[in-house]
Amino acid sequence: MTPISLYGFLRPRPERKDEVRRILMSLVEPTRGEPGNLQYHLHEQEDGRFFLYEIWRSREDLDLHNQYPPLRAFLDNLPDYLEGDPEGYFDTMSSPYPHSTAPAGTVTA
């Protein structure tokens, strides 16, 4: 299988920024524990946007993830949480995905 990546920016409404941060943070560990998840990262930008970067083993794994009830509740109500539409990208990875058992951040020779 060729891994796929999903990445993008979310700009929360100012009055809901703390709530959006809490929701997004609550998704990190459960998502990382899903069988098809290879990477899942949340970043907060200086301008107030959140940046998500995900790598999934397959499209099927991502589709299953998107049915996770807490995520579904957030996605179904995005206009209530965000200013404008999310800026998102979905791609098939061109470079090979490293299948190392080393912990994240470990440099291997």
C-alpha atoms as a PDB file:
ATOM      1  CA  MET A   1       0.000   0.000   0.000  1.00  0.00           C
ATOM      2  CA  THR A   2       1.084   3.555  -0.665  1.00  0.00           C
ATOM      3  CA  PRO A   3       0.646   5.835   2.347  1.00  0.00           C
ATOM      4  CA  ILE A   4      -1.401   8.984   1.999  1.00  0.00           C
ATOM      5  CA  SER A   5      -1.047  12.284   3.759  1.00  0.00           C
ATOM      6  CA  LEU A   6      -3.581  14.845   4.846  1.00  0.00           C
ATOM      7  CA  TYR A   7      -2.483  18.277   5.972  1.00  0.00           C
ATOM      8  CA  GLY A   8      -3.918  21.719   6.317  1.00  0.00           C
ATOM      9  CA  PHE A   9      -4.761  24.782   8.348  1.00  0.00           C
ATOM     10  CA  LEU A  10      -7.762  25.622  10.514  1.00  0.00           C
ATOM     11  CA  ARG A  11      -8.429  29.203  11.609  1.00  0.00           C
ATOM     12  CA  PRO A  12     -10.633  29.145  14.718  1.00  0.00           C
ATOM     13  CA  ARG A  13     -13.099  31.870  15.534  1.00  0.00           C
ATOM     14  CA  PRO A  14     -11.358  34.026  18.192  1.00  0.00           C
ATOM     15  CA  GLU A  15     -14.019  33.317  20.804  1.00  0.00           C
ATOM     16  CA  ARG A  16     -13.677  29.546  20.241  1.00  0.00           C
ATOM     17  CA  LYS A  17      -9.889  29.240  19.919  1.00  0.00           C
ATOM     18  CA  ASP A  18      -9.407  27.617  23.341  1.00  0.00           C
ATOM     19  CA  GLU A  19     -12.245  25.196  22.662  1.00  0.00           C
ATOM     20  CA  VAL A  20     -10.846  24.263  19.237  1.00  0.00           C
ATOM     21  CA  ARG A  21      -7.403  23.712  20.791  1.00  0.00           C
ATOM     22  CA  ARG A  22      -8.940  21.455  23.441  1.00  0.00           C
ATOM     23  CA  ILE A  23     -10.897  19.443  20.852  1.00  0.00           C
ATOM     24  CA  LEU A  24      -7.913  19.031  18.545  1.00  0.00           C
ATOM     25  CA  MET A  25      -5.596  18.060  21.403  1.00  0.00           C
ATOM     26  CA  SER A  26      -8.137  15.488  22.607  1.00  0.00           C
ATOM     27  CA  LEU A  27      -7.924  13.779  19.189  1.00  0.00           C
ATOM     28  CA  VAL A  28      -4.132  13.377  19.107  1.00  0.00           C
ATOM     29  CA  GLU A  29      -3.538  10.295  21.271  1.00  0.00           C
ATOM     30  CA  PRO A  30      -6.646   8.336  20.197  1.00  0.00           C
ATOM     31  CA  THR A  31      -5.765   8.979  16.549  1.00  0.00           C
ATOM     32  CA  ARG A  32      -2.148   7.923  17.030  1.00  0.00           C
ATOM     33  CA  GLY A  33      -3.477   4.674  18.489  1.00  0.00           C
ATOM     34  CA  GLU A  34      -5.547   3.795  15.426  1.00  0.00           C
ATOM     35  CA  PRO A  35      -4.155   0.807  13.489  1.00  0.00           C
ATOM     36  CA  GLY A  36      -3.705   2.652  10.170  1.00  0.00           C
ATOM     37  CA  ASN A  37      -2.202   5.852  11.553  1.00  0.00           C
ATOM     38  CA  LEU A  38       1.491   6.338  10.821  1.00  0.00           C
ATOM     39  CA  GLN A  39       1.819   9.963  12.001  1.00  0.00           C
ATOM     40  CA  TYR A  40      -0.473  12.584  13.466  1.00  0.00           C
ATOM     41  CA  HIS A  41       0.786  16.021  14.467  1.00  0.00           C
ATOM     42  CA  LEU A  42      -0.892  19.214  15.619  1.00  0.00           C
ATOM     43  CA  HIS A  43       0.882  22.574  15.506  1.00  0.00           C
ATOM     44  CA  GLU A  44      -0.293  26.006  16.607  1.00  0.00           C
ATOM     45  CA  GLN A  45       0.890  28.849  14.378  1.00  0.00           C
ATOM     46  CA  GLU A  46       1.844  32.326  15.613  1.00  0.00           C
ATOM     47  CA  ASP A  47      -1.061  33.800  13.642  1.00  0.00           C
ATOM     48  CA  GLY A  48      -3.580  31.667  15.572  1.00  0.00           C
ATOM     49  CA  ARG A  49      -4.142  28.950  12.980  1.00  0.00           C
ATOM     50  CA  PHE A  50      -3.796  25.261  13.748  1.00  0.00           C
ATOM     51  CA  PHE A  51      -1.832  23.055  11.346  1.00  0.00           C
ATOM     52  CA  LEU A  52      -2.562  19.332  11.157  1.00  0.00           C
ATOM     53  CA  TYR A  53      -0.282  16.801   9.481  1.00  0.00           C
ATOM     54  CA  GLU A  54      -1.367  13.183   9.159  1.00  0.00           C
ATOM     55  CA  ILE A  55      -0.006  10.112   7.391  1.00  0.00           C
ATOM     56  CA  TRP A  56      -2.216   7.060   6.934  1.00  0.00           C
ATOM     57  CA  ARG A  57      -1.390   3.569   5.724  1.00  0.00           C
ATOM     58  CA  SER A  58      -4.290   3.717   3.243  1.00  0.00           C
ATOM     59  CA  ARG A  59      -7.342   5.685   2.184  1.00  0.00           C
ATOM     60  CA  GLU A  60      -9.487   3.031   3.874  1.00  0.00           C
ATOM     61  CA  ASP A  61      -7.738   3.699   7.195  1.00  0.00           C
ATOM     62  CA  LEU A  62      -8.356   7.434   6.842  1.00  0.00           C
ATOM     63  CA  ASP A  63     -12.007   6.797   5.981  1.00  0.00           C
ATOM     64  CA  LEU A  64     -12.383   4.705   9.164  1.00  0.00           C
ATOM     65  CA  HIS A  65     -10.707   7.460  11.205  1.00  0.00           C
ATOM     66  CA  ASN A  66     -13.138  10.029   9.808  1.00  0.00           C
ATOM     67  CA  GLN A  67     -16.007   8.051  11.368  1.00  0.00           C
ATOM     68  CA  TYR A  68     -14.579   8.392  14.909  1.00  0.00           C
ATOM     69  CA  PRO A  69     -17.539   9.985  16.782  1.00  0.00           C
ATOM     70  CA  PRO A  70     -15.650  12.865  18.506  1.00  0.00           C
ATOM     71  CA  LEU A  71     -13.973  13.796  15.212  1.00  0.00           C
ATOM     72  CA  ARG A  72     -17.249  13.452  13.323  1.00  0.00           C
ATOM     73  CA  ALA A  73     -18.974  15.814  15.817  1.00  0.00           C
ATOM     74  CA  PHE A  74     -16.254  18.420  15.231  1.00  0.00           C
ATOM     75  CA  LEU A  75     -16.260  18.044  11.430  1.00  0.00           C
ATOM     76  CA  ASP A  76     -20.047  18.188  11.220  1.00  0.00           C
ATOM     77  CA  ASN A  77     -19.995  21.585  12.971  1.00  0.00           C
ATOM     78  CA  LEU A  78     -16.884  23.212  11.464  1.00  0.00           C
ATOM     79  CA  PRO A  79     -18.638  26.483  10.537  1.00  0.00           C
ATOM     80  CA  ASP A  80     -19.454  26.995  14.230  1.00  0.00           C
ATOM     81  CA  TYR A  81     -15.770  26.685  15.163  1.00  0.00           C
ATOM     82  CA  LEU A  82     -13.866  28.204  12.236  1.00  0.00           C
ATOM     83  CA  GLU A  83     -13.511  31.458  10.372  1.00  0.00           C
ATOM     84  CA  GLY A  84     -13.934  30.378   6.776  1.00  0.00           C
ATOM     85  CA  ASP A  85     -13.251  27.020   5.223  1.00  0.00           C
ATOM     86  CA  PRO A  86     -10.352  24.817   6.292  1.00  0.00           C
ATOM     87  CA  GLU A  87      -7.351  24.887   3.961  1.00  0.00           C
ATOM     88  CA  GLY A  88      -6.667  21.219   3.388  1.00  0.00           C
ATOM     89  CA  TYR A  89      -4.609  18.991   1.111  1.00  0.00           C
ATOM     90  CA  PHE A  90      -4.789  15.265   0.483  1.00  0.00           C
ATOM     91  CA  ASP A  91      -1.984  13.513  -1.379  1.00  0.00           C
ATOM     92  CA  THR A  92      -0.487  10.133  -2.127  1.00  0.00           C
ATOM     93  CA  MET A  93       3.090  10.082  -0.885  1.00  0.00           C
ATOM     94  CA  SER A  94       5.719  10.156  -3.640  1.00  0.00           C
ATOM     95  CA  SER A  95       8.677   9.338  -1.427  1.00  0.00           C
ATOM     96  CA  PRO A  96       8.894   5.944   0.249  1.00  0.00           C
ATOM     97  CA  TYR A  97       7.654   5.845   3.820  1.00  0.00           C
ATOM     98  CA  PRO A  98      10.370   4.677   6.224  1.00  0.00           C
ATOM     99  CA  HIS A  99       9.336   1.495   7.989  1.00  0.00           C
ATOM    100  CA  SER A 100      11.694   1.860  10.921  1.00  0.00           C
ATOM    101  CA  THR A 101      10.999   0.596  14.419  1.00  0.00           C
ATOM    102  CA  ALA A 102      13.153   3.365  15.901  1.00  0.00           C
ATOM    103  CA  PRO A 103      11.306   5.875  18.110  1.00  0.00           C
ATOM    104  CA  ALA A 104      10.225   9.102  16.411  1.00  0.00           C
ATOM    105  CA  GLY A 105      13.062  11.599  16.199  1.00  0.00           C
ATOM    106  CA  THR A 106      15.760   8.914  16.337  1.00  0.00           C
ATOM    107  CA  VAL A 107      18.516   9.363  13.770  1.00  0.00           C
ATOM    108  CA  THR A 108      19.616   6.085  12.232  1.00  0.00           C
ATOM    109  CA  ALA A 109      22.715   5.495  10.116  1.00  0.00           C
END
